[in-house]
C-alpha cells in the first residue's frame, strides 16, 4: 500500500548513521594527514576515512575517481560544519552531558541483544566509542539548534489562514482515505527486522506467534506497543506498525483479504488474522493484523478543522526552520576560521584527490 498523507506530518527520524570523531586542539602547522582546521582544531584524514568507510560499507560497488573525491568533500564539509557548531555549543554551555548520552545510547541499544548490537557496529565499521561520540555530537547539535533557531520560530494564526486560502485545493480529498497500522509475522526470521521476539522458524510457529499477538490485543494490550515488540516488518515496526494513509483506490489495489478486512473496520478496530500469500507460488509468506487508525471521508477540509490548522502550522514551521538553520550555519562559518586543505588539494590537482 502506498504511504501518503495530505494532513499528516511526516515523522523525522533521528539519524544514527553519521560518524564524526571529536577533534583535539592543536596549533601546529598542518601535516599531510590533516584535511582541514576549524579555529585551529584539526580534522584528520583518518577521521574522514572512517566516515567514508561507514558510508560505503553497504554499497554494492564502492565509488571511485571523481565520485569518491566528491563524497570525501561532502563528508569533510559536514565535519567542518559540525565542528563549528560544537565550538558554539561550548560557548553556550550546551554540550551534551554523560547522562544524556547514556540515555540515548540505551534507547538505541534496547531493541537488540548484545550480540546483535555488536554486529551492527561491526557492519558499520565503527567502534562503541565512535558511536557514543556521534550520539554526543548529535545531541549537542540538536540542543544548539533548538535554542538558537527552533525556539525563535513563531507561526502566527494569520500565516495559517493565508496559507490555507492560497492552497485550499490541498485540503480537498477527492476520495476517502484510510490511516492504517499493521503487525506482520513471517514464517522465517527477517534479517532486517531487529525486534523479532519469539522468533518463528516455520509456518506453524508463525501461526502460533500471531495468535498470541491477537490474544493480547483482545485482552486490551496496546496495538502500537505490540507492533514494536513483535512485528517483523522492518519499515513499520519501529513506529508502532504505522503504515500511514492510503486512498480508497489504493486500498482496492492491495490483496483482496486485506482490502475486505479493512473495509469492514471502524476507526480504532483491528482485523482478524489475515494470511498473506505470494501471488506467484500461492504459498503463505506471513500473517498480518491490520488496524484502522482513522478514516477520512472525501470532501473539503475547512480551516476550522484543528487537524488542518496543525498540519499547516507544522509545515510552515518546518520550512522556516530549514531555511533558518541554513542561514545560521552560514553566519557561524563567517565567524570561524576555516582552512579546507583537502578542497585546495583537489582544486590544485585538477580534480584528482585521494
Protein backbone atom coordinates (compact mmCIF):
# COMPACT_ATOMS: atom_id res chain seq x y z
CA UNK A 1 0.00 0.00 0.00
CA UNK A 2 1.26 3.43 -0.90
CA UNK A 3 2.09 5.59 2.07
CA UNK A 4 0.79 9.12 1.61
CA UNK A 5 -0.94 11.86 3.57
CA UNK A 6 -2.32 15.33 2.97
CA UNK A 7 -2.95 16.14 6.60
CA UNK A 8 -0.29 14.11 8.42
CA UNK A 9 3.07 15.50 9.21
CA UNK A 10 5.94 13.29 8.09
CA UNK A 11 7.94 11.98 11.00
CA UNK A 12 11.54 12.85 11.05
CA UNK A 13 13.54 10.02 12.01
CA UNK A 14 16.67 10.65 14.19
CA UNK A 15 19.74 9.63 12.17
CA UNK A 16 22.38 7.47 13.82
CA UNK A 17 24.42 6.64 10.71
CA UNK A 18 26.73 9.71 10.95
CA UNK A 19 30.18 9.03 12.37
CA UNK A 20 32.03 12.13 13.49
CA UNK A 21 35.00 11.98 15.81
CA UNK A 22 35.80 14.59 18.47
CA UNK A 23 38.84 16.57 17.41
CA UNK A 24 41.79 17.54 19.59
CA UNK A 25 43.04 21.10 19.67
CA UNK A 26 46.46 21.71 18.12
CA UNK A 27 48.07 24.86 16.79
CA UNK A 28 50.99 23.35 14.88
CA UNK A 29 51.25 23.60 11.08
CA UNK A 30 49.08 21.01 9.33
CA UNK A 31 50.73 17.89 8.03
CA UNK A 32 49.75 15.59 5.19
CA UNK A 33 47.16 13.79 7.32
CA UNK A 34 45.23 16.98 8.20
CA UNK A 35 42.38 17.70 5.79
CA UNK A 36 41.04 20.87 7.43
CA UNK A 37 41.19 23.05 10.52
CA UNK A 38 38.44 24.93 12.34
CA UNK A 39 39.70 27.66 14.64
CA UNK A 40 42.90 25.65 14.96
CA UNK A 41 41.13 22.33 15.59
CA UNK A 42 42.35 19.68 13.20
CA UNK A 43 40.21 17.32 11.18
CA UNK A 44 42.36 14.33 10.34
CA UNK A 45 42.25 12.16 7.25
CA UNK A 46 41.81 9.07 9.43
CA UNK A 47 38.57 10.54 10.81
CA UNK A 48 37.26 11.38 7.34
CA UNK A 49 38.21 7.90 6.13
CA UNK A 50 36.25 6.33 8.98
CA UNK A 51 33.15 8.23 7.99
CA UNK A 52 33.81 7.43 4.32
CA UNK A 53 34.11 3.70 5.05
CA UNK A 54 30.91 3.85 7.08
CA UNK A 55 29.07 5.42 4.15
CA UNK A 56 30.21 2.89 1.56
CA UNK A 57 30.05 -0.20 3.80
CA UNK A 58 26.66 -1.27 2.47
CA UNK A 59 27.23 -0.16 -1.14
CA UNK A 60 27.30 -2.88 -3.77
CA UNK A 61 30.11 -1.06 -5.53
CA UNK A 62 32.44 1.41 -3.84
CA UNK A 63 32.73 4.82 -5.52
CA UNK A 64 35.90 5.55 -7.46
CA UNK A 65 37.57 8.54 -9.07
CA UNK A 66 35.56 11.77 -9.01
CA UNK A 67 32.68 10.11 -7.12
CA UNK A 68 34.97 9.09 -4.26
CA UNK A 69 36.53 12.55 -4.15
CA UNK A 70 33.11 14.24 -4.13
CA UNK A 71 31.96 12.01 -1.27
CA UNK A 72 35.04 12.89 0.79
CA UNK A 73 34.48 16.59 0.09
CA UNK A 74 30.88 16.28 1.30
CA UNK A 75 31.94 14.37 4.40
CA UNK A 76 34.59 16.94 5.21
CA UNK A 77 32.12 19.80 4.68
CA UNK A 78 29.72 18.20 7.17
CA UNK A 79 32.50 17.63 9.69
CA UNK A 80 33.57 21.27 9.39
CA UNK A 81 30.00 22.47 9.96
CA UNK A 82 29.59 20.23 12.99
CA UNK A 83 32.93 21.26 14.45
CA UNK A 84 31.92 24.91 14.11
CA UNK A 85 28.66 24.14 15.90
CA UNK A 86 30.49 22.26 18.66
CA UNK A 87 32.58 25.35 19.31
CA UNK A 88 29.38 27.38 19.56
CA UNK A 89 27.92 24.81 21.95
CA UNK A 90 30.95 25.22 24.23
CA UNK A 91 30.36 28.96 24.43
CA UNK A 92 26.66 28.46 25.16
CA UNK A 93 27.22 25.70 27.71
CA UNK A 94 25.12 23.28 25.67
CA UNK A 95 27.47 20.34 25.23
CA UNK A 96 25.67 17.02 25.77
CA UNK A 97 26.09 15.55 29.25
CA UNK A 98 27.12 11.99 30.04
CA UNK A 99 23.62 11.32 31.34
CA UNK A 100 22.06 12.48 28.07
CA UNK A 101 24.45 10.37 26.02
CA UNK A 102 23.87 7.25 28.13
CA UNK A 103 20.10 7.67 27.97
CA UNK A 104 20.09 7.97 24.17
CA UNK A 105 22.56 5.10 23.83
CA UNK A 106 20.30 2.84 25.90
CA UNK A 107 17.33 3.78 23.69
CA UNK A 108 19.24 2.74 20.59
CA UNK A 109 20.50 -0.49 22.11
CA UNK A 110 17.26 -1.58 23.78
CA UNK A 111 15.72 -3.49 20.81
CA UNK A 112 18.88 -5.56 20.25
CA UNK A 113 20.68 -8.32 22.05
CA UNK A 114 24.33 -7.57 22.83
CA UNK A 115 25.40 -9.86 20.00
CA UNK A 116 23.09 -8.14 17.51
CA UNK A 117 24.21 -4.69 18.58
CA UNK A 118 27.91 -5.58 18.34
CA UNK A 119 27.33 -7.00 14.86
CA UNK A 120 25.64 -3.81 13.68
CA UNK A 121 28.59 -1.74 14.88
CA UNK A 122 30.97 -4.11 13.13
CA UNK A 123 28.97 -3.97 9.90
CA UNK A 124 29.11 -0.17 10.00
CA UNK A 125 32.85 -0.36 10.74
CA UNK A 126 32.60 1.75 13.88
CA UNK A 127 33.55 1.19 17.49
CA UNK A 128 31.39 1.71 20.56
CA UNK A 129 33.44 4.82 21.40
CA UNK A 130 32.80 6.17 17.90
CA UNK A 131 29.08 5.50 18.27
CA UNK A 132 28.87 7.31 21.61
CA UNK A 133 30.86 10.26 20.30
CA UNK A 134 28.40 10.53 17.44
CA UNK A 135 25.49 10.47 19.89
CA UNK A 136 27.15 13.22 21.92
CA UNK A 137 27.62 15.36 18.85
CA UNK A 138 24.08 14.77 17.57
CA UNK A 139 22.53 15.70 20.92
CA UNK A 140 24.71 18.79 21.13
CA UNK A 141 23.78 19.94 17.62
CA UNK A 142 20.09 19.44 18.42
CA UNK A 143 20.37 21.45 21.65
CA UNK A 144 22.11 24.36 19.92
CA UNK A 145 19.63 24.42 17.05
CA UNK A 146 16.67 24.29 19.43
CA UNK A 147 17.99 27.25 21.41
CA UNK A 148 19.32 29.38 18.58
CA UNK A 149 16.78 28.63 15.83
CA UNK A 150 13.74 26.44 16.51
CA UNK A 151 12.63 28.13 19.74
CA UNK A 152 12.51 31.51 17.98
CA UNK A 153 10.16 30.46 15.17
CA UNK A 154 6.65 31.85 15.57
CA UNK A 155 3.94 30.73 13.12
CA UNK A 156 1.05 33.15 13.58
CA UNK A 157 -2.63 32.40 13.06
CA UNK A 158 -2.66 34.81 10.12
CA UNK A 159 0.15 32.83 8.48
CA UNK A 160 -2.02 29.72 8.69
CA UNK A 161 -5.06 31.48 7.27
CA UNK A 162 -3.04 32.94 4.38
CA UNK A 163 -1.58 29.54 3.53
CA UNK A 164 -4.98 27.85 3.61
CA UNK A 165 -6.55 30.44 1.32
CA UNK A 166 -3.68 30.10 -1.15
CA UNK A 167 -3.62 26.28 -1.10
CA UNK A 168 -7.22 25.36 -0.43
CA UNK A 169 -7.13 22.57 -3.00
CA UNK A 170 -4.58 20.66 -0.92
CA UNK A 171 -7.28 20.07 1.68
CA UNK A 172 -9.94 18.78 -0.69
CA UNK A 173 -9.90 14.98 -0.54
CA UNK A 174 -11.27 13.58 -3.79
CA UNK A 175 -11.83 10.15 -2.24
CA UNK A 176 -11.90 8.59 1.24
CA UNK A 177 -8.55 7.87 2.89
CA UNK A 178 -7.64 5.23 5.44
CA UNK A 179 -4.95 5.59 8.09
CA UNK A 180 -3.66 2.08 8.79
CA UNK A 181 -1.23 0.21 11.02
CA UNK A 182 -0.19 -3.43 10.96
CA UNK A 183 1.53 -6.21 12.87
CA UNK A 184 3.30 -8.60 10.49
CA UNK A 185 4.61 -12.06 11.38
CA UNK A 186 6.63 -14.22 8.97
CA UNK A 187 7.40 -17.97 8.92
CA UNK A 188 11.15 -17.26 8.83
CA UNK A 189 13.14 -14.59 10.69
CA UNK A 190 13.64 -11.45 8.64
CA UNK A 191 17.33 -10.43 8.92
CA UNK A 192 16.36 -6.77 8.52
CA UNK A 193 13.91 -6.85 11.43
CA UNK A 194 15.60 -6.37 14.80
CA UNK A 195 12.69 -6.92 17.18
CA UNK A 196 11.63 -10.48 16.44
CA UNK A 197 10.66 -11.57 19.92
CA UNK A 198 9.59 -15.26 19.94
CA UNK A 199 11.19 -15.80 16.53
CA UNK A 200 9.17 -18.08 14.27
CA UNK A 201 11.16 -20.62 12.28
CA UNK A 202 8.31 -22.07 10.24
CA UNK A 203 4.67 -21.55 9.34
CA UNK A 204 3.31 -23.38 12.38
CA UNK A 205 5.38 -21.24 14.77
CA UNK A 206 4.35 -18.10 12.88
CA UNK A 207 0.67 -19.01 13.28
CA UNK A 208 1.24 -19.58 16.98
CA UNK A 209 3.04 -16.26 17.36
CA UNK A 210 0.42 -14.18 15.53
CA UNK A 211 -2.33 -15.89 17.52
CA UNK A 212 -0.52 -14.90 20.71
CA UNK A 213 -0.43 -11.31 19.48
CA UNK A 214 -4.13 -11.35 18.69
CA UNK A 215 -4.91 -12.79 22.13
CA UNK A 216 -3.02 -9.93 23.73
CA UNK A 217 -4.89 -7.42 21.59
CA UNK A 218 -8.17 -8.99 22.66
CA UNK A 219 -7.00 -8.63 26.26
CA UNK A 220 -6.58 -4.90 25.80
CA UNK A 221 -2.85 -4.58 25.06
CA UNK A 222 -1.82 -1.53 23.01
CA UNK A 223 -1.53 -2.20 19.26
CA UNK A 224 1.48 0.06 18.69
CA UNK A 225 3.40 -1.44 21.61
CA UNK A 226 2.81 -4.97 20.36
CA UNK A 227 3.86 -3.93 16.84
CA UNK A 228 7.14 -2.57 18.17
CA UNK A 229 7.78 -5.79 20.07
CA UNK A 230 6.60 -8.44 17.63
CA UNK A 231 6.01 -7.11 14.12
CA UNK A 232 8.59 -8.28 11.58
CA UNK A 233 8.07 -5.53 9.03
CA UNK A 234 11.36 -3.58 9.29
CA UNK A 235 9.81 -0.47 7.71
CA UNK A 236 6.98 -0.03 10.21
CA UNK A 237 7.71 -1.92 13.42
CA UNK A 238 9.84 0.90 14.83
CA UNK A 239 6.94 3.37 14.71
CA UNK A 240 4.26 1.09 16.10
CA UNK A 241 3.30 -0.51 12.81
CA UNK A 242 2.11 2.78 11.29
CA UNK A 243 1.51 2.38 7.54
CA UNK A 244 0.44 5.98 7.01
CA UNK A 245 -2.62 6.80 4.93
CA UNK A 246 -3.87 5.24 1.72
CA UNK A 247 -6.59 6.41 -0.60
CA UNK A 248 -9.55 4.12 -1.25
CA UNK A 249 -8.38 3.50 -4.80
CA UNK A 250 -5.01 2.38 -3.45
CA UNK A 251 -6.68 0.11 -0.95
CA UNK A 252 -8.55 -1.58 -3.78
CA UNK A 253 -5.20 -2.42 -5.33
CA UNK A 254 -3.95 -4.45 -2.37
CA UNK A 255 -4.62 -8.13 -1.76
CA UNK A 256 -8.34 -8.99 -1.50
CA UNK A 257 -8.14 -10.41 2.02
CA UNK A 258 -6.59 -7.24 3.45
CA UNK A 259 -8.87 -4.96 1.45
CA UNK A 260 -12.03 -6.77 2.53
CA UNK A 261 -10.93 -6.84 6.18
CA UNK A 262 -10.13 -3.11 6.26
CA UNK A 263 -13.39 -2.12 4.57
CA UNK A 264 -15.31 -3.79 7.40
CA UNK A 265 -13.44 -1.97 10.18
CA UNK A 266 -14.47 1.10 12.10
CA UNK A 267 -11.79 3.56 13.33
CA UNK A 268 -9.96 2.06 16.31
CA UNK A 269 -10.79 -1.55 15.37
CA UNK A 270 -8.33 -4.20 14.18
CA UNK A 271 -8.84 -7.08 11.79
CA UNK A 272 -8.77 -10.82 12.37
CA UNK A 273 -5.54 -12.58 11.38
CA UNK A 274 -5.00 -12.22 7.62
CA UNK A 275 -2.91 -14.76 5.70
CA UNK A 276 -0.54 -13.13 3.19
CA UNK A 277 0.28 -15.22 0.12
CA UNK A 278 2.92 -14.98 -2.59
CA UNK A 279 0.83 -14.32 -5.72
CA UNK A 280 3.14 -16.47 -7.86
CA UNK A 281 3.68 -19.51 -5.63
CA UNK A 282 0.43 -19.18 -3.66
CA UNK A 283 2.44 -20.04 -0.53
CA UNK A 284 1.90 -18.22 2.76
CA UNK A 285 4.63 -15.64 3.32
CA UNK A 286 3.25 -14.23 6.54
CA UNK A 287 0.32 -13.23 8.68
CA UNK A 288 -0.85 -9.73 9.49
CA UNK A 289 -3.28 -7.95 11.75
CA UNK A 290 -4.37 -4.55 10.40
CA UNK A 291 -5.76 -1.69 12.46
CA UNK A 292 -7.86 1.14 11.05
CA UNK A 293 -6.49 4.13 12.95
CA UNK A 294 -8.74 6.66 11.25
CA UNK A 295 -10.90 7.12 8.15
CA UNK A 296 -11.39 10.41 6.36
CA UNK A 297 -14.38 10.87 4.04
CA UNK A 298 -14.00 12.68 0.74
CA UNK A 299 -14.63 16.41 0.63
CA UNK A 300 -13.20 19.81 1.50
CA UNK A 301 -11.44 20.21 4.85
CA UNK A 302 -12.21 23.57 6.36
CA UNK A 303 -9.79 25.89 8.10
CA UNK A 304 -11.79 25.47 11.31
CA UNK A 305 -10.65 21.83 11.44
CA UNK A 306 -7.92 21.64 14.14
CA UNK A 307 -6.10 18.98 12.10
CA UNK A 308 -5.89 21.32 9.13
CA UNK A 309 -4.51 24.09 11.31
CA UNK A 310 -1.94 21.78 12.89
CA UNK A 311 -0.85 20.38 9.52
CA UNK A 312 -0.31 23.89 8.14
CA UNK A 313 1.42 25.07 11.30
CA UNK A 314 3.80 22.11 11.20
CA UNK A 315 4.56 22.58 7.51
CA UNK A 316 5.25 26.31 7.85
CA UNK A 317 7.37 25.72 10.95
CA UNK A 318 9.45 23.05 9.20
CA UNK A 319 10.02 25.17 6.11
CA UNK A 320 11.08 28.17 8.17
CA UNK A 321 13.26 26.03 10.39
CA UNK A 322 15.10 24.54 7.41
CA UNK A 323 15.75 27.99 5.96
CA UNK A 324 16.91 29.49 9.24
CA UNK A 325 19.20 26.57 10.03
CA UNK A 326 20.93 27.00 6.67
CA UNK A 327 21.36 30.73 7.34
CA UNK A 328 22.58 30.03 10.89
CA UNK A 329 25.32 27.72 9.60
CA UNK A 330 26.45 30.39 7.14
CA UNK A 331 26.67 33.01 9.91
CA UNK A 332 28.70 30.64 12.10
CA UNK A 333 31.01 29.88 9.17
CA UNK A 334 31.58 33.60 8.60
CA UNK A 335 32.74 33.95 12.22
CA UNK A 336 35.01 30.87 12.17
CA UNK A 337 38.49 30.48 10.77
CA UNK A 338 38.26 27.51 8.42
CA UNK A 339 41.06 26.07 6.33
CA UNK A 340 39.99 23.28 3.96
CA UNK A 341 43.29 21.81 2.77
CA UNK A 342 41.65 18.89 1.02
CA UNK A 343 39.48 21.16 -1.13
CA UNK A 344 42.58 23.14 -2.11
CA UNK A 345 44.38 19.90 -2.98
CA UNK A 346 41.51 18.80 -5.21
CA UNK A 347 41.45 22.17 -6.93
CA UNK A 348 45.24 22.29 -7.42
CA UNK A 349 45.32 18.74 -8.79
CA UNK A 350 42.52 19.47 -11.29
CA UNK A 351 40.04 17.18 -9.54
CA UNK A 352 42.40 14.37 -8.60
CA UNK A 353 42.07 13.89 -4.85
CA UNK A 354 42.63 10.92 -2.57
